[in-house]
Each structure stands twice: as C-alpha cells, then as structure tokens.
Protein backbone atom coordinates (compact mmCIF):
# COMPACT_ATOMS: atom_id res chain seq x y z
CA MET A 1 218.09 56.12 140.90
CA ILE A 2 215.65 57.77 143.19
CA GLN A 3 212.17 56.25 143.11
CA GLN A 4 209.55 58.81 142.23
CA GLN A 5 207.14 59.29 145.11
CA ARG A 6 203.51 58.77 144.27
CA VAL A 7 201.43 61.96 144.50
CA PRO A 8 198.01 61.53 146.11
CA ALA A 9 195.12 62.00 143.73
CA PHE A 10 193.55 64.87 145.68
CA VAL A 11 196.83 66.81 145.49
CA SER A 12 197.18 66.35 141.74
CA GLN A 13 193.58 67.47 141.26
CA ARG A 14 194.21 70.65 143.24
CA THR A 15 197.31 71.48 141.21
CA GLN A 16 195.63 70.92 137.86
CA LYS A 17 194.53 73.97 135.95
CA THR A 18 190.82 74.60 136.11
CA PHE A 19 188.63 76.90 134.11
CA ARG A 20 185.45 78.72 134.91
CA ALA A 21 182.41 77.81 132.85
CA SER A 22 181.31 80.64 130.60
CA VAL A 23 177.98 81.78 131.93
CA VAL A 24 175.58 82.77 129.17
CA THR A 25 174.27 85.90 130.85
CA ILE A 26 173.93 89.52 129.93
CA ASP A 27 177.26 90.39 131.51
CA SER A 28 179.29 87.30 130.67
CA PRO A 29 182.99 88.26 130.94
CA ASP A 30 184.02 85.48 128.57
CA GLU A 31 182.19 86.91 125.56
CA LEU A 32 183.70 89.22 122.98
CA PRO A 33 182.70 92.91 122.96
CA ILE A 34 179.38 93.57 121.31
CA ARG A 35 179.51 93.96 117.52
CA TRP A 36 177.04 96.74 116.92
CA PRO A 37 176.09 96.11 113.24
CA GLN A 38 175.27 92.46 113.93
CA PHE A 39 173.57 93.25 117.23
CA LEU A 40 171.34 95.98 115.79
CA LEU A 41 170.22 93.68 112.98
CA LEU A 42 169.46 90.93 115.49
CA PHE A 43 167.66 93.43 117.74
CA ALA A 44 165.53 94.62 114.81
CA VAL A 45 164.22 91.19 113.81
CA LEU A 46 163.75 89.56 117.23
CA PRO A 47 160.26 91.05 117.86
CA LEU A 48 159.13 89.86 114.43
CA PHE A 49 160.38 86.32 115.08
CA GLY A 50 158.78 86.55 118.53
CA GLU A 51 155.38 87.56 117.06
CA VAL A 52 155.23 90.74 119.15
CA PHE A 53 153.15 92.55 116.50
CA HIS A 54 151.13 89.53 115.38
CA TYR A 55 147.90 90.68 117.07
CA LEU A 56 148.54 94.44 117.35
CA LYS A 57 146.08 95.74 114.78
CA VAL A 58 146.56 99.22 116.22
CA LEU A 59 149.88 99.22 114.32
CA PRO A 60 148.74 98.17 110.82
CA PRO A 61 152.15 98.27 109.06
CA MET A 62 153.88 96.17 111.73
CA TRP A 63 150.86 93.87 112.02
CA ALA A 64 150.92 93.23 108.26
CA LEU A 65 154.71 92.71 108.29
CA SER A 66 154.39 90.23 111.16
CA LYS A 67 151.76 88.23 109.27
CA ALA A 68 153.95 88.10 106.15
CA PHE A 69 157.25 87.55 107.97
CA PRO A 70 157.17 83.70 107.91
CA ILE A 71 157.03 83.86 104.11
CA LEU A 72 159.47 86.76 103.75
CA THR A 73 162.10 84.91 105.83
CA LEU A 74 161.79 81.61 103.94
CA PRO A 75 165.07 82.23 102.04
CA LEU A 76 166.87 82.14 105.39
CA CYS A 77 165.91 78.47 105.67
CA PHE A 78 168.58 77.60 103.11
CA PHE A 79 171.24 78.97 105.45
CA ALA A 80 170.05 76.52 108.11
CA MET A 81 172.24 73.98 106.29
CA LYS A 82 175.17 76.37 106.16
CA ASP A 83 178.37 75.42 108.01
CA GLY A 84 177.07 72.07 109.06
CA PRO A 85 174.29 69.48 108.84
CA ALA A 86 170.61 70.20 109.27
CA PRO A 87 169.79 71.34 112.82
CA ARG A 88 168.59 68.74 115.26
CA GLY A 89 164.82 68.59 115.34
CA SER A 90 164.43 69.38 111.62
CA ARG A 91 162.71 66.09 110.88
CA GLN A 92 160.27 66.56 113.76
CA ILE A 93 159.34 70.10 112.70
CA LEU A 94 158.91 69.13 109.02
CA LEU A 95 156.73 66.10 109.77
CA SER A 96 154.68 68.12 112.25
CA LEU A 97 154.13 70.91 109.71
CA LEU A 98 153.09 68.45 107.00
CA TYR A 99 150.54 66.83 109.28
CA LEU A 100 149.20 70.07 110.77
CA PHE A 101 148.72 71.64 107.35
CA LEU A 102 147.53 68.76 105.20
CA VAL A 103 145.42 66.51 107.45
CA PRO A 104 143.05 69.20 108.86
CA SER A 105 142.63 70.70 105.38
CA PHE A 106 141.69 67.26 104.07
CA THR A 107 139.30 66.36 106.90
CA ALA A 108 137.54 69.74 106.59
CA VAL A 109 136.53 68.75 103.05
CA PHE A 110 134.22 66.10 104.53
CA ALA A 111 133.31 67.79 107.82
CA PHE A 112 132.47 71.23 106.40
CA GLN A 113 132.25 70.64 102.62
CA GLN A 114 135.14 73.05 102.21
CA ASN A 115 137.58 73.19 99.31
CA PHE A 116 140.98 71.65 100.21
CA PHE A 117 142.92 74.75 99.17
CA LEU A 118 140.61 76.99 101.18
CA GLY A 119 141.26 74.66 104.10
CA LEU A 120 144.97 75.36 103.79
CA THR A 121 144.32 79.06 104.46
CA ALA A 122 142.90 78.10 107.86
CA GLN A 123 146.37 76.87 108.87
CA VAL A 124 148.17 80.14 108.11
CA LYS A 125 148.37 80.68 111.87
CA LEU A 126 150.89 77.83 112.04
CA LEU A 127 153.29 79.31 109.47
CA PRO A 128 155.48 80.84 112.23
CA ILE A 129 156.61 77.30 113.07
CA LEU A 130 158.86 77.80 110.03
CA TYR A 131 160.84 80.20 112.20
CA PHE A 132 162.71 77.15 113.48
CA PHE A 133 164.48 77.01 110.12
CA SER A 134 164.65 80.73 109.35
CA VAL A 135 165.97 81.63 112.82
CA THR A 136 168.56 78.84 112.57
CA GLY A 137 169.61 80.13 109.15
CA PHE A 138 169.74 83.69 110.43
CA LEU A 139 171.94 82.69 113.39
CA ARG A 140 174.30 80.69 111.18
CA LEU A 141 174.53 83.59 108.75
CA LEU A 142 174.94 86.38 111.32
CA LYS A 143 176.96 84.33 113.86
CA PRO A 144 175.97 86.37 116.94
CA THR A 145 177.65 85.56 120.23
CA SER A 146 175.66 84.11 123.10
CA SER A 147 175.96 87.45 124.88
CA GLU A 148 174.52 89.32 121.88
CA ILE A 149 171.52 86.96 121.72
CA ALA A 150 170.93 87.34 125.46
CA LYS A 151 171.22 91.11 125.31
CA GLY A 152 168.82 91.27 122.37
CA PHE A 153 166.14 89.41 124.33
CA LEU A 154 166.70 91.22 127.61
CA TYR A 155 166.89 94.72 126.14
CA TRP A 156 163.62 94.09 124.33
CA GLY A 157 162.13 92.96 127.63
CA LEU A 158 163.21 96.24 129.20
CA VAL A 159 161.86 98.28 126.25
CA LEU A 160 158.45 96.59 126.40
CA PHE A 161 158.31 97.08 130.16
CA VAL A 162 158.97 100.83 129.77
CA VAL A 163 156.43 101.11 126.92
CA LEU A 164 153.83 99.32 129.05
CA ILE A 165 154.34 101.80 131.91
CA LEU A 166 154.17 104.79 129.55
CA LEU A 167 150.96 103.52 127.97
CA TRP A 168 149.42 103.06 131.41
CA ILE A 169 150.35 106.62 132.37
CA PHE A 170 149.45 108.52 129.21
CA VAL A 171 146.62 106.63 127.44
CA PRO A 172 143.30 108.32 128.38
CA GLN A 173 140.41 106.37 129.82
CA SER A 174 138.31 107.02 126.70
CA VAL A 175 140.62 104.78 124.65
CA TYR A 176 139.81 101.68 126.72
CA GLU A 177 137.05 99.75 124.92
CA VAL A 178 134.17 98.50 127.02
CA LEU A 179 132.20 96.84 124.22
CA HIS A 180 133.89 95.05 121.34
CA LYS A 181 132.97 92.45 118.77
CA ALA A 182 133.09 88.81 119.83
CA GLY A 183 136.45 87.28 118.96
CA ASP A 184 138.25 90.64 119.02
CA ALA A 185 140.96 91.37 121.57
CA PRO A 186 141.62 95.12 121.52
CA MET A 187 144.91 96.34 122.93
CA PHE A 188 143.11 98.57 125.43
CA SER A 189 139.95 97.26 127.05
CA HIS A 190 137.91 97.63 130.23
CA ASP A 191 135.96 94.74 131.74
CA SER A 192 135.35 93.11 135.11
CA ARG A 193 139.12 92.99 135.67
CA GLY A 194 139.46 96.75 135.21
CA ASN A 195 141.63 98.46 132.61
CA ARG A 196 143.71 95.98 130.64
CA ILE A 197 146.60 96.48 128.22
CA ARG A 198 147.12 93.48 125.96
CA MET A 199 150.86 93.89 125.53
CA PRO A 200 152.73 90.96 123.90
CA PHE A 201 155.13 90.11 126.69
CA LEU A 202 157.37 87.28 125.44
CA PHE A 203 160.58 89.23 126.04
CA GLY A 204 159.26 90.78 129.23
CA THR A 205 158.36 87.37 130.65
CA ILE A 206 161.78 85.97 129.77
CA GLY A 207 163.32 89.03 131.44
CA ILE A 208 161.32 88.32 134.62
CA PHE A 209 162.55 84.73 134.70
CA TYR A 210 166.09 85.94 134.05
CA CYS A 211 165.95 88.35 137.02
CA PHE A 212 164.56 85.57 139.21
CA ARG A 213 167.39 83.20 138.29
CA ARG A 214 170.03 85.90 138.79
CA PHE A 215 168.58 86.67 142.23
CA PHE A 216 168.93 83.04 143.28
CA ALA A 217 172.44 82.90 141.85
CA GLU A 218 173.78 86.12 143.38
CA LYS A 219 171.34 87.03 146.19
CA LYS A 220 171.45 90.69 145.10
CA VAL A 221 168.41 92.76 145.91
CA TRP A 222 168.13 94.55 142.55
CA TRP A 223 167.44 91.25 140.77
CA LEU A 224 164.62 90.60 143.23
CA LEU A 225 163.28 94.12 142.65
CA GLY A 226 163.34 93.50 138.89
CA THR A 227 161.38 90.28 139.37
CA ILE A 228 158.80 91.99 141.59
CA ALA A 229 158.43 94.95 139.20
CA GLY A 230 157.89 92.67 136.21
CA PHE A 231 155.35 90.50 138.03
CA ALA A 232 153.52 93.60 139.28
CA ALA A 233 153.30 94.94 135.71
CA VAL A 234 151.77 91.68 134.47
CA MET A 235 149.39 91.45 137.41
CA GLY A 236 148.35 95.09 137.56
CA LEU A 237 148.44 96.27 133.94
CA ILE A 238 148.20 93.31 131.56
CA ARG A 239 145.83 91.46 133.94
CA MET A 240 145.99 88.17 132.10
CA ARG A 241 144.93 85.43 134.50
CA ALA A 242 146.85 82.64 132.78
CA ALA A 243 150.04 84.73 132.79
CA VAL A 244 149.77 85.55 136.51
CA LEU A 245 149.18 81.91 137.43
CA GLY A 246 151.88 80.69 135.04
CA LEU A 247 154.51 83.06 136.42
CA SER A 248 153.59 82.06 139.96
CA MET A 249 153.90 78.35 139.18
CA VAL A 250 157.30 78.75 137.52
CA PHE A 251 158.51 80.83 140.49
CA ALA A 252 157.39 78.03 142.82
CA ILE A 253 159.06 75.34 140.71
CA ASN A 254 162.37 77.20 140.50
CA THR A 255 162.30 78.13 144.19
CA LEU A 256 162.02 74.46 145.05
CA ARG A 257 164.69 73.49 142.52
CA PHE A 258 167.26 76.02 143.70
CA SER A 259 166.67 75.79 147.46
CA LYS A 260 168.42 73.55 149.95
CA PRO A 261 166.57 70.41 151.09
CA LYS A 262 165.67 71.81 154.53
CA THR A 263 164.47 75.07 152.99
CA ARG A 264 162.21 73.16 150.59
CA ILE A 265 160.20 71.77 153.50
CA LEU A 266 159.52 75.30 154.74
CA ILE A 267 158.63 76.47 151.21
CA LEU A 268 156.21 73.57 150.72
CA ALA A 269 154.55 74.50 154.00
CA LEU A 270 154.18 78.13 152.88
CA LEU A 271 152.95 77.41 149.34
CA PRO A 272 149.25 76.96 150.33
CA PHE A 273 149.28 80.38 152.01
CA ALA A 274 150.93 81.97 148.95
CA ALA A 275 148.31 80.35 146.70
CA ALA A 276 145.52 81.62 148.94
CA ALA A 277 146.95 85.15 148.84
CA LEU A 278 147.14 85.02 145.04
CA LEU A 279 143.59 83.72 144.70
CA SER A 280 142.34 86.49 146.98
CA VAL A 281 142.74 88.80 143.98
CA PRO A 282 139.21 88.74 142.47
CA TYR A 283 140.13 88.55 138.78
CA VAL A 284 142.69 85.79 139.42
CA ALA A 285 140.14 83.79 141.42
CA SER A 286 137.65 84.20 138.55
CA THR A 287 139.81 81.75 136.56
CA PHE A 288 137.91 78.98 138.31
CA ASP A 289 134.50 80.71 138.15
CA THR A 290 131.98 78.70 136.12
CA GLY A 291 129.24 81.32 136.31
CA SER A 292 127.80 83.40 133.50
CA GLN A 293 129.41 86.57 134.84
CA ALA A 294 132.83 85.10 134.06
CA GLY A 295 131.69 84.24 130.53
CA PHE A 296 131.93 80.51 131.12
CA ASP A 297 128.42 79.89 129.79
CA ILE A 298 129.62 80.76 126.26
CA ARG A 299 132.66 78.55 126.70
CA ARG A 300 130.46 75.73 128.03
CA GLY A 301 128.30 75.97 124.93
CA THR A 302 131.40 75.77 122.74
CA ILE A 303 132.68 72.72 124.67
CA GLU A 304 129.35 70.92 124.37
CA GLY A 305 129.08 71.77 120.67
CA ALA A 306 132.61 70.57 119.92
CA ILE A 307 132.15 67.28 121.79
CA ALA A 308 128.80 66.66 120.07
CA PHE A 309 130.31 67.40 116.65
CA LEU A 310 133.20 64.99 117.21
CA GLY A 311 130.66 62.44 118.42
CA ASN A 312 131.53 58.81 119.03
CA ASP A 313 133.72 58.45 115.95
CA PRO A 314 137.26 57.53 117.15
CA LEU A 315 138.74 58.68 113.84
CA ARG A 316 137.42 62.21 114.34
CA TRP A 317 138.98 62.35 117.79
CA LEU A 318 142.25 60.94 116.44
CA ILE A 319 142.81 63.17 113.39
CA GLY A 320 140.33 66.01 113.95
CA VAL A 321 137.84 67.60 111.58
CA GLY A 322 139.71 70.76 110.55
CA THR A 323 138.12 74.18 110.66
CA ILE A 324 136.62 76.88 108.44
CA THR A 325 138.82 79.23 106.45
CA PRO A 326 139.20 82.73 107.96
CA LEU A 327 138.11 84.05 104.55
CA ASP A 328 134.57 82.98 105.46
CA PRO A 329 133.11 85.85 107.54
CA MET A 330 130.65 83.50 109.29
CA GLY A 331 133.24 80.89 110.23
CA LEU A 332 132.06 78.10 112.50
CA ILE A 333 129.02 80.15 113.57
CA ARG A 334 127.40 78.86 110.39
CA TYR A 335 127.40 75.35 111.87
CA PHE A 336 126.88 76.06 115.56
CA ASN A 337 124.51 79.07 115.56
CA HIS A 338 126.50 80.99 118.19
CA SER A 339 129.94 82.50 118.77
CA PHE A 340 132.21 79.49 118.37
CA PHE A 341 135.93 80.07 118.80
CA LEU A 342 138.27 77.10 119.09
CA ALA A 343 140.87 79.18 120.95
CA ASP A 344 138.39 79.55 123.83
CA ILE A 345 138.45 75.82 124.54
CA THR A 346 142.24 75.47 124.16
CA TRP A 347 143.23 71.78 124.07
CA LEU A 348 139.75 70.61 123.15
CA GLY A 349 139.78 73.15 120.32
CA ILE A 350 143.15 71.86 119.15
CA THR A 351 141.83 68.30 119.28
CA PHE A 352 138.73 69.39 117.36
CA GLU A 353 140.84 70.86 114.57
CA PHE A 354 143.95 68.66 114.50
CA GLY A 355 142.95 65.57 116.45
CA LEU A 356 144.81 63.98 119.33
CA ILE A 357 147.73 63.29 117.00
CA GLY A 358 147.99 66.96 116.10
CA ALA A 359 147.69 67.99 119.75
CA VAL A 360 150.63 65.76 120.65
CA LEU A 361 152.69 67.08 117.72
CA LEU A 362 152.08 70.68 118.83
CA LEU A 363 152.96 69.89 122.44
CA MET A 364 156.17 68.17 121.38
CA ILE A 365 157.59 71.42 119.94
CA PRO A 366 158.09 73.14 123.34
CA VAL A 367 158.89 69.75 124.88
CA ARG A 368 161.69 69.37 122.33
CA GLY A 369 162.97 72.77 123.44
CA LEU A 370 163.03 71.53 127.04
CA TRP A 371 164.95 68.45 125.91
CA GLU A 372 167.53 70.58 124.13
CA SER A 373 167.90 72.69 127.28
CA ARG A 374 168.24 69.71 129.60
CA TYR A 375 171.83 70.68 130.46
CA VAL A 376 170.69 73.93 132.09
CA ARG A 377 170.27 72.64 135.63
CA ASP A 378 171.88 75.17 137.90
CA SER A 379 170.61 78.57 139.06
CA ARG A 380 174.19 79.90 139.08
CA GLN A 381 174.89 79.12 135.43
CA GLY A 382 173.13 79.71 132.15
CA ALA A 383 170.69 82.31 133.48
CA PHE A 384 169.60 83.32 129.99
CA LEU A 385 169.26 79.80 128.59
CA GLY A 386 167.53 78.88 131.82
CA SER A 387 165.03 81.71 131.35
CA LEU A 388 164.22 80.36 127.88
CA GLN A 389 163.68 76.97 129.48
CA ASP A 390 161.40 78.61 132.05
CA TYR A 391 159.36 80.25 129.30
CA LEU A 392 158.73 76.89 127.64
CA ILE A 393 157.56 75.43 130.96
CA TYR A 394 155.41 78.52 131.52
CA SER A 395 153.83 78.18 128.06
CA ILE A 396 152.94 74.54 128.65
CA LEU A 397 151.48 75.36 132.07
CA ILE A 398 149.22 78.13 130.74
CA SER A 399 148.22 76.23 127.60
CA THR A 400 144.93 75.28 129.26
CA GLY A 401 144.00 78.96 129.11
CA TYR A 402 146.18 80.27 126.28
CA PRO A 403 146.51 77.70 123.46
CA LEU A 404 149.86 76.90 121.85
CA THR A 405 148.41 77.75 118.43
CA MET A 406 148.21 81.45 119.35
CA ALA A 407 151.95 82.10 119.00
CA PRO A 408 153.78 78.98 117.77
CA GLY A 409 156.63 81.13 116.46
CA GLU A 410 157.76 81.76 120.05
CA PHE A 411 158.49 78.08 120.63
CA ALA A 412 160.04 77.66 117.19
CA MET A 413 162.43 80.57 117.81
CA ILE A 414 163.41 79.37 121.29
CA LEU A 415 163.93 75.83 120.02
CA ALA A 416 166.16 77.16 117.21
CA ILE A 417 168.27 79.11 119.72
CA MET A 418 168.60 76.09 122.02
CA VAL A 419 169.67 73.83 119.16
CA HIS A 420 172.04 76.49 117.80
CA GLU A 421 173.77 77.05 121.15
CA SER A 422 174.04 73.34 121.85
CA ALA A 423 175.46 72.58 118.40
CA ARG A 424 177.88 75.51 118.52
CA TYR A 425 179.40 74.58 121.87
CA GLY A 426 178.79 70.84 121.91
CA ALA A 427 176.98 68.92 124.60
CA ASN A 428 180.17 68.38 126.61
CA ASP A 429 181.44 71.96 126.47
CA PRO A 430 181.31 73.62 129.91
CA ARG A 431 179.74 76.72 128.37
CA PHE A 432 176.58 74.76 127.64
CA ARG A 433 176.61 71.67 129.83
CA TYR A 434 176.05 72.41 133.49
CA PRO A 435 176.64 69.85 136.27
C-alpha cells in the first residue's frame, strides 16, 4: 500500500475553488437583470422616503405629499415583520421615538404653558423616523436586488444633478429672492454668497461619494471627473457652506483610509494647503465669521437666550423644555422678543428642546447606521454601501451647521437599507462582509 504523500497547505489553498465577492455597485455582474416594474416603483418612492420635497414649497402637491408620507406609509410597517423577525434596531428606534415625542411635549406644558396635545404637533418634524419601519416593510414586500437599490439612488442623483444645471441655466435673475421673511428658505435666493439654489441633494451627495470610491477602486478618470463635477455643483450652485466643508472632510478621511501608508504622510502634509485653498473662497471662510455681516449677531442672541432660559437647572439641560407648536404663528418669539429659531443653534437647539438625553438619542440613529455598515471597509468593494456610510459620516460632521432634526428620514431610510442588506446576506456572507 502506497503511503499518501502529504500536500503542503499552500498548494491545497491554491487548488481550492475560490469565488469573487459580489460587489454591490451599479454594474455588479453578480446581480440579476433589472426587473422594471419593481425598479420603477422603487424609483418613484425613493425621493419621498429621502425627503427631497419636504421643504420645496414651490411644488405644493409634492410638498404636501412629502409631509403626509410618514403617515401614508404606516401600513408598510406591518410588512417589516414579514419573512422574518423584527429588523435589528427596532427597539432603539421605538424607544427613541417615544422619548422624542412624549417628553418634550410634557416639559413644554410647564415651560410654555402649552397643552400636551398641542405640544405633540411640534414633533411632527420627527415623524420621518418612522421610515425605518416603512422602508424595511417596503423592501421586504418588494424584494429589490442590491443592484436595483443602488441604481435607484444613483439614477436619482444623476437626475437631480441635471435638474440643478438646467435650473441654473434657465431660471431668470428676477426669480432669485433678495429679501425674504425670517425663517424662510426659498429655493432661489441671492445674498452675500451670490445666487443660491436650495436643491435637496441627498441622492446627489451619495452619488458624489460613490464616484469618489469607484475612482479609488479602479483609478479611472471618468469617476474622478464625476466627483469633481458633483463637488463643483455643490460649491458653485447650491453654495451651502456646511455641505462644502462636509464633502471636503469626507474626501480627506477616505483618501487617508484608502491610501498606502507612505502616501498618507504626503497627504497629511498637503492637507493644510488644501484647507487654506478651500477657505480662500469668501463664502466658505464666512462659516467662521462672528461678525454681524455674517448674521452671527442674531445667532448669538439666540444662543444667549437659550442658555439663559435653560438656566442652572440640571433637569432642564437633561430632558429639555420642549418647544412651541408650529400652529402658533408667533412661536418662540413670544417668549424671546426676537427671531428665535432652534435650527439656527443646531445642537444647542436640540438640547433646548429634547435635552441632552434626546440629543444623544438623535445622534445614535446615524451612529447605528455606521455600526450596521461596519463591514464596508474596502474602497474596492461595496462602493454603494460605502457611499451610504460616507453620507452618515458627512451628516454627523455637518450637524453643527445643519441639525439632524431637519431631515431625520434620510438616516432612517439609510439605516433600514443597511439592516436589510445585512440581514438578507448575513454578516459572514462575502457579498456584505468585506475583509
């Protein structure tokens, strides 16, 4: 009997069959062909889940539909339990919603002598957090492929980019508002930054991050051109300071993450020069301007008024004091004798209304999304899921200038997609877990 010769381990590993991880990108070869009925339905509802029309009063029907959509999609929540247990994160979202709705409405009874049920109407802005359940139910009901979800997001990003360019070309100068009521944010305005178009750019921003990741993965120039074009549109047409700085910071983070160790040293050396070049743009530099010309004097008055109102009472700082119902035309001006908008003071405004506990609960929603996307670690894999991860990081970074309460449905939708993809493939499946 001939003794079987032992095969070295490295030889056996080379002869074993291997498989290529399915990359969740727009052109993933491992996905099935697009199913047009399902895709078109998904494409139709994505901007509503993403709150694209939530502040576009220039489109009254879509604006009204966006405001009502969290309630209209409530029946989809029942499908969140379909074909499996409740999605991960359900307990966190439910407890957060209960606190954020009930506690501020209760504290406002004592702080502002406001009826409890009127206080509940002040929290309508948080209803889109329910999209975590309705989006999960919709995905379980429709069963779209990863490629269909990615294409839905990225095609919408392309559509919004084209619409933004067309508006810039064809909208006459007379449409841009120079003077508008305090608290209003018209779609077309002209101020010290020049002409601005307030275009909701969730899908466009995700598309920019997607192009950036694909460029690092493939080193193809058209992905770099897509990144530059998207960034130029945000910087030159939307002119939102927080967005420009947020995009730049995420670019810097990902460049360091995806570069070789020796290249990182060079990048770190160049970062101060890149930051100086960015801050040489006057309206970007005005982010740090504390003068009256930048409007900081109004914000300073709001900060001082909020801190004085919270006072030295630890309980007020811990659980907040709520706010006035939007049904009251005077709002908080009644108590502070000047334009007083909590959104202007971002995290302090959130603490004023919901307390430090509420602020942490709100922050933990995008943080939970980052936790669910923790397997996306490589620039060469998961470009779409990675771009969703980038958007959550971007949102946290700009939350000092653009509060999380402005569009909580964005985080809820992204979290639902992350949980759905992870649960569908499993944490150890190569299509979701990346080494």
